[in-house]
Structure formats: C-alpha cells, structure tokens
Amino acid sequence: MSRTYLGEFEELVLLAVALLEQQSTGAYGVSIADELKQRTQRTTSVTGVHVVLYRLEEKGLVGSALGGATLARGGRRKRLFTLTATGQQVLREMRQLRMGFWEALPTPFFA
C-alpha cells in the first residue's frame, strides 16, 4: 500500500475527529472547527472543515453517518464523522514520523 500524505490542515482535522469521536457530542463540522480554534488559535470556517472532511472520506480515512435530529438544530440532523482503521493507521504513521524527527534533534536545540 502506498503511503498516504496529508497536508497540515488535513492532519489537524483528522486529529480533531479522533479526539471528538470519543466525546458525547461526536465529531461534526462545528465541533471540529471549534476544537481547531481552541487548540490552534486559528479561525477556520465550517465550510473549510467540511471540504477537508469530504476529502478525507474520499481517501478512506474517515467515515460518516447522519445523527439524530435535535430541537437545538431546528430538527436538522448532523453528519457525524469517525476515524476508519486506515485513518487510525495513518495517524500512527504520522506520529512516528514526527517523533523520529524530534528525537533526532540534538539536545542543545532545546536549550
């Protein structure tokens, strides 16, 4: 299998999905945009997040399904995203790659 490459924003969205799918609210466009803003101090549009989510879904890294309708959303349903097994593997590989670089840096680099 060839390696899957992700851009920085794709990686951040994938990480947010991994984090939020563990929580009761789930991972959906607004919750992911809020998580990214909180953790990166960067404002992202929900539309931009959705573009990346659908790209990640095409790559087989996330899956999605419609959640239940809620009164808070005027009876509309949310599209909830979850990590696929391939998405989990890609995150593990990216973590290993980045840790390899960080661990190879000389100690005075951090002094």
N, C-alpha and C. Protein backbone atom coordinates (compact mmCIF):
# COMPACT_ATOMS: atom_id res chain seq x y z
N MET A 1 0.84 -1.18 0.00
CA MET A 1 0.00 0.00 0.00
C MET A 1 0.88 1.24 0.00
N SER A 2 0.54 2.19 -0.85
CA SER A 2 1.34 3.40 -0.90
C SER A 2 1.01 4.29 0.30
N ARG A 3 1.94 5.11 0.62
CA ARG A 3 1.80 5.98 1.78
C ARG A 3 0.77 7.08 1.48
N THR A 4 -0.01 7.41 2.47
CA THR A 4 -0.98 8.49 2.34
C THR A 4 -0.35 9.76 2.90
N TYR A 5 -0.33 10.79 2.10
CA TYR A 5 0.21 12.07 2.54
C TYR A 5 -0.92 13.02 2.86
N LEU A 6 -0.74 13.73 3.94
CA LEU A 6 -1.74 14.70 4.36
C LEU A 6 -1.09 16.07 4.50
N GLY A 7 -1.86 17.11 4.19
CA GLY A 7 -1.42 18.46 4.47
C GLY A 7 -1.62 18.73 5.95
N GLU A 8 -1.06 19.84 6.42
CA GLU A 8 -1.17 20.16 7.85
C GLU A 8 -2.62 20.26 8.30
N PHE A 9 -3.45 20.96 7.52
CA PHE A 9 -4.84 21.15 7.93
C PHE A 9 -5.59 19.81 7.91
N GLU A 10 -5.29 18.97 6.93
CA GLU A 10 -5.93 17.65 6.89
C GLU A 10 -5.55 16.85 8.14
N GLU A 11 -4.28 16.92 8.52
CA GLU A 11 -3.83 16.19 9.71
C GLU A 11 -4.53 16.72 10.96
N LEU A 12 -4.64 18.03 11.07
CA LEU A 12 -5.31 18.61 12.24
C LEU A 12 -6.78 18.21 12.30
N VAL A 13 -7.45 18.22 11.16
CA VAL A 13 -8.86 17.81 11.13
C VAL A 13 -8.98 16.34 11.50
N LEU A 14 -8.08 15.51 10.98
CA LEU A 14 -8.12 14.08 11.31
C LEU A 14 -7.89 13.86 12.81
N LEU A 15 -6.96 14.61 13.38
CA LEU A 15 -6.72 14.51 14.83
C LEU A 15 -7.95 14.97 15.62
N ALA A 16 -8.59 16.03 15.15
CA ALA A 16 -9.80 16.52 15.84
C ALA A 16 -10.91 15.47 15.77
N VAL A 17 -11.05 14.80 14.65
CA VAL A 17 -12.06 13.74 14.54
C VAL A 17 -11.75 12.64 15.54
N ALA A 18 -10.47 12.24 15.62
CA ALA A 18 -10.07 11.18 16.55
C ALA A 18 -10.39 11.58 18.00
N LEU A 19 -10.16 12.83 18.32
CA LEU A 19 -10.42 13.31 19.68
C LEU A 19 -11.91 13.42 19.97
N LEU A 20 -12.64 14.03 19.05
CA LEU A 20 -14.06 14.32 19.31
C LEU A 20 -14.97 13.10 19.20
N GLU A 21 -14.57 12.11 18.41
CA GLU A 21 -15.45 10.94 18.30
C GLU A 21 -15.52 10.18 19.62
N GLN A 22 -14.59 10.45 20.51
CA GLN A 22 -14.58 9.82 21.84
C GLN A 22 -15.52 10.54 22.80
N GLN A 23 -15.96 11.73 22.42
CA GLN A 23 -16.80 12.53 23.32
C GLN A 23 -18.27 12.39 22.94
N SER A 24 -19.14 12.75 23.88
CA SER A 24 -20.57 12.55 23.68
C SER A 24 -21.14 13.39 22.53
N THR A 25 -20.52 14.53 22.25
CA THR A 25 -21.04 15.38 21.18
C THR A 25 -20.72 14.83 19.80
N GLY A 26 -19.66 14.04 19.69
CA GLY A 26 -19.26 13.50 18.41
C GLY A 26 -18.48 14.51 17.58
N ALA A 27 -17.99 14.05 16.44
CA ALA A 27 -17.20 14.90 15.55
C ALA A 27 -18.06 15.31 14.36
N TYR A 28 -18.37 16.58 14.30
CA TYR A 28 -19.11 17.13 13.16
C TYR A 28 -18.53 18.50 12.85
N GLY A 29 -18.93 19.09 11.76
CA GLY A 29 -18.29 20.30 11.26
C GLY A 29 -18.06 21.38 12.31
N VAL A 30 -19.11 21.76 13.04
CA VAL A 30 -18.98 22.85 14.01
C VAL A 30 -18.08 22.45 15.17
N SER A 31 -18.24 21.23 15.68
CA SER A 31 -17.41 20.82 16.83
C SER A 31 -15.94 20.73 16.42
N ILE A 32 -15.67 20.32 15.19
CA ILE A 32 -14.28 20.23 14.72
C ILE A 32 -13.70 21.64 14.55
N ALA A 33 -14.47 22.56 13.96
CA ALA A 33 -13.99 23.95 13.80
C ALA A 33 -13.71 24.57 15.16
N ASP A 34 -14.61 24.32 16.15
CA ASP A 34 -14.40 24.85 17.50
C ASP A 34 -13.14 24.26 18.14
N GLU A 35 -12.94 22.96 17.98
CA GLU A 35 -11.77 22.31 18.55
C GLU A 35 -10.49 22.86 17.93
N LEU A 36 -10.50 23.06 16.63
CA LEU A 36 -9.31 23.61 15.95
C LEU A 36 -9.03 25.03 16.44
N LYS A 37 -10.06 25.82 16.62
CA LYS A 37 -9.87 27.20 17.09
C LYS A 37 -9.30 27.20 18.50
N GLN A 38 -9.85 26.33 19.35
CA GLN A 38 -9.38 26.26 20.74
C GLN A 38 -7.91 25.81 20.82
N ARG A 39 -7.54 24.84 20.02
CA ARG A 39 -6.19 24.27 20.13
C ARG A 39 -5.14 25.00 19.31
N THR A 40 -5.54 25.67 18.23
CA THR A 40 -4.55 26.32 17.36
C THR A 40 -4.65 27.84 17.37
N GLN A 41 -5.70 28.38 18.01
CA GLN A 41 -5.97 29.84 18.00
C GLN A 41 -6.15 30.32 16.56
N ARG A 42 -6.60 29.46 15.72
CA ARG A 42 -6.80 29.77 14.31
C ARG A 42 -8.28 29.66 14.00
N THR A 43 -8.82 30.66 13.37
CA THR A 43 -10.23 30.60 13.00
C THR A 43 -10.36 29.88 11.66
N THR A 44 -11.22 28.89 11.65
CA THR A 44 -11.47 28.15 10.41
C THR A 44 -12.96 28.17 10.14
N SER A 45 -13.32 28.17 8.89
CA SER A 45 -14.74 28.16 8.55
C SER A 45 -15.25 26.72 8.58
N VAL A 46 -16.52 26.58 8.92
CA VAL A 46 -17.13 25.25 8.93
C VAL A 46 -17.11 24.67 7.51
N THR A 47 -17.29 25.53 6.52
CA THR A 47 -17.25 25.07 5.13
C THR A 47 -15.87 24.50 4.80
N GLY A 48 -14.83 25.20 5.24
CA GLY A 48 -13.47 24.71 5.01
C GLY A 48 -13.23 23.37 5.67
N VAL A 49 -13.78 23.21 6.87
CA VAL A 49 -13.65 21.93 7.58
C VAL A 49 -14.38 20.83 6.80
N HIS A 50 -15.57 21.16 6.31
CA HIS A 50 -16.34 20.15 5.56
C HIS A 50 -15.63 19.74 4.27
N VAL A 51 -15.00 20.69 3.60
CA VAL A 51 -14.25 20.36 2.38
C VAL A 51 -13.18 19.32 2.70
N VAL A 52 -12.46 19.56 3.79
CA VAL A 52 -11.40 18.62 4.18
C VAL A 52 -11.99 17.29 4.62
N LEU A 53 -13.09 17.33 5.36
CA LEU A 53 -13.71 16.07 5.81
C LEU A 53 -14.12 15.20 4.62
N TYR A 54 -14.71 15.81 3.61
CA TYR A 54 -15.14 15.02 2.45
C TYR A 54 -13.93 14.50 1.67
N ARG A 55 -12.83 15.29 1.65
CA ARG A 55 -11.59 14.82 1.01
C ARG A 55 -11.02 13.63 1.79
N LEU A 56 -11.04 13.72 3.12
CA LEU A 56 -10.55 12.62 3.95
C LEU A 56 -11.44 11.39 3.78
N GLU A 57 -12.72 11.61 3.58
CA GLU A 57 -13.64 10.49 3.37
C GLU A 57 -13.34 9.81 2.03
N GLU A 58 -13.04 10.60 1.02
CA GLU A 58 -12.68 10.03 -0.29
C GLU A 58 -11.40 9.20 -0.20
N LYS A 59 -10.49 9.62 0.69
CA LYS A 59 -9.23 8.89 0.88
C LYS A 59 -9.43 7.67 1.76
N GLY A 60 -10.62 7.51 2.33
CA GLY A 60 -10.91 6.36 3.18
C GLY A 60 -10.41 6.49 4.60
N LEU A 61 -10.12 7.74 5.03
CA LEU A 61 -9.57 7.94 6.36
C LEU A 61 -10.63 8.22 7.41
N VAL A 62 -11.79 8.71 6.98
CA VAL A 62 -12.92 8.90 7.88
C VAL A 62 -14.17 8.34 7.21
N GLY A 63 -15.13 8.00 8.04
CA GLY A 63 -16.45 7.59 7.57
C GLY A 63 -17.45 8.55 8.16
N SER A 64 -18.66 8.57 7.62
CA SER A 64 -19.67 9.47 8.17
C SER A 64 -21.04 8.84 8.12
N ALA A 65 -21.89 9.35 9.00
CA ALA A 65 -23.29 8.92 9.03
C ALA A 65 -24.10 10.06 9.63
N LEU A 66 -25.36 10.13 9.25
CA LEU A 66 -26.23 11.16 9.80
C LEU A 66 -26.66 10.76 11.21
N GLY A 67 -26.55 11.73 12.15
CA GLY A 67 -27.01 11.50 13.51
C GLY A 67 -28.49 11.82 13.61
N GLY A 68 -29.03 11.74 14.80
CA GLY A 68 -30.43 12.03 15.01
C GLY A 68 -30.73 13.52 14.97
N ALA A 69 -31.97 13.85 14.65
CA ALA A 69 -32.40 15.26 14.63
C ALA A 69 -32.54 15.77 16.05
N THR A 70 -32.21 17.03 16.27
CA THR A 70 -32.36 17.62 17.60
C THR A 70 -33.13 18.93 17.50
N LEU A 71 -33.81 19.28 18.59
CA LEU A 71 -34.52 20.55 18.63
C LEU A 71 -33.55 21.72 18.58
N ALA A 72 -32.38 21.54 19.20
CA ALA A 72 -31.39 22.61 19.21
C ALA A 72 -30.98 23.00 17.79
N ARG A 73 -31.06 22.09 16.87
CA ARG A 73 -30.68 22.36 15.48
C ARG A 73 -31.91 22.54 14.60
N GLY A 74 -33.05 22.83 15.22
CA GLY A 74 -34.26 23.05 14.44
C GLY A 74 -34.74 21.80 13.73
N GLY A 75 -34.44 20.65 14.31
CA GLY A 75 -34.88 19.39 13.73
C GLY A 75 -33.95 18.85 12.65
N ARG A 76 -32.85 19.57 12.39
CA ARG A 76 -31.90 19.09 11.37
C ARG A 76 -30.96 18.06 11.98
N ARG A 77 -30.45 17.20 11.14
CA ARG A 77 -29.53 16.17 11.58
C ARG A 77 -28.09 16.59 11.32
N LYS A 78 -27.17 16.06 12.13
CA LYS A 78 -25.75 16.34 11.95
C LYS A 78 -25.11 15.17 11.22
N ARG A 79 -24.11 15.47 10.40
CA ARG A 79 -23.29 14.41 9.81
C ARG A 79 -22.11 14.19 10.75
N LEU A 80 -22.07 13.02 11.35
CA LEU A 80 -21.02 12.70 12.32
C LEU A 80 -19.91 11.91 11.63
N PHE A 81 -18.68 12.26 11.94
CA PHE A 81 -17.51 11.63 11.32
C PHE A 81 -16.76 10.78 12.33
N THR A 82 -16.25 9.66 11.86
CA THR A 82 -15.44 8.78 12.69
C THR A 82 -14.21 8.36 11.90
N LEU A 83 -13.17 8.03 12.62
CA LEU A 83 -11.94 7.56 12.01
C LEU A 83 -12.13 6.12 11.52
N THR A 84 -11.61 5.82 10.35
CA THR A 84 -11.60 4.43 9.88
C THR A 84 -10.31 3.76 10.37
N ALA A 85 -10.20 2.47 10.17
CA ALA A 85 -8.97 1.76 10.54
C ALA A 85 -7.79 2.33 9.76
N THR A 86 -8.01 2.68 8.50
CA THR A 86 -6.94 3.28 7.69
C THR A 86 -6.57 4.65 8.26
N GLY A 87 -7.56 5.43 8.68
CA GLY A 87 -7.28 6.73 9.28
C GLY A 87 -6.46 6.59 10.56
N GLN A 88 -6.78 5.60 11.38
CA GLN A 88 -6.00 5.36 12.60
C GLN A 88 -4.56 5.01 12.25
N GLN A 89 -4.39 4.16 11.24
CA GLN A 89 -3.04 3.76 10.83
C GLN A 89 -2.24 4.96 10.32
N VAL A 90 -2.88 5.81 9.53
CA VAL A 90 -2.19 6.99 9.00
C VAL A 90 -1.77 7.92 10.15
N LEU A 91 -2.63 8.11 11.14
CA LEU A 91 -2.25 8.95 12.29
C LEU A 91 -1.07 8.34 13.05
N ARG A 92 -1.08 7.03 13.22
CA ARG A 92 0.05 6.36 13.91
C ARG A 92 1.35 6.58 13.13
N GLU A 93 1.28 6.42 11.80
CA GLU A 93 2.48 6.61 10.97
C GLU A 93 2.98 8.05 11.03
N MET A 94 2.05 9.01 11.01
CA MET A 94 2.46 10.41 11.05
C MET A 94 3.10 10.73 12.41
N ARG A 95 2.56 10.18 13.46
CA ARG A 95 3.13 10.40 14.80
C ARG A 95 4.55 9.85 14.87
N GLN A 96 4.72 8.62 14.36
CA GLN A 96 6.06 8.01 14.36
C GLN A 96 7.04 8.83 13.56
N LEU A 97 6.62 9.30 12.39
CA LEU A 97 7.48 10.11 11.54
C LEU A 97 7.92 11.38 12.26
N ARG A 98 6.96 12.08 12.84
CA ARG A 98 7.27 13.34 13.53
C ARG A 98 8.14 13.09 14.77
N MET A 99 7.82 12.06 15.53
CA MET A 99 8.62 11.75 16.73
C MET A 99 10.05 11.40 16.33
N GLY A 100 10.22 10.71 15.21
CA GLY A 100 11.57 10.38 14.74
C GLY A 100 12.39 11.64 14.48
N PHE A 101 11.76 12.64 13.87
CA PHE A 101 12.45 13.91 13.64
C PHE A 101 12.78 14.60 14.96
N TRP A 102 11.80 14.70 15.86
CA TRP A 102 12.02 15.40 17.13
C TRP A 102 13.09 14.71 17.96
N GLU A 103 13.09 13.39 17.99
CA GLU A 103 14.07 12.65 18.79
C GLU A 103 15.46 12.72 18.18
N ALA A 104 15.57 12.99 16.88
CA ALA A 104 16.87 13.08 16.22
C ALA A 104 17.53 14.44 16.41
N LEU A 105 16.76 15.43 16.85
CA LEU A 105 17.33 16.75 17.06
C LEU A 105 18.31 16.73 18.23
N PRO A 106 19.43 17.44 18.12
CA PRO A 106 20.40 17.48 19.23
C PRO A 106 19.81 18.22 20.43
N THR A 107 20.23 17.82 21.61
CA THR A 107 19.72 18.41 22.85
C THR A 107 19.92 19.93 22.91
N PRO A 108 21.09 20.48 22.47
CA PRO A 108 21.24 21.95 22.56
C PRO A 108 20.17 22.70 21.76
N PHE A 109 19.52 22.04 20.84
CA PHE A 109 18.47 22.68 20.06
C PHE A 109 17.40 23.24 20.99
N PHE A 110 17.16 22.55 22.10
CA PHE A 110 16.09 22.95 23.01
C PHE A 110 16.58 23.87 24.13
N ALA A 111 17.89 24.06 24.24
CA ALA A 111 18.43 24.87 25.35
C ALA A 111 18.19 26.35 25.15
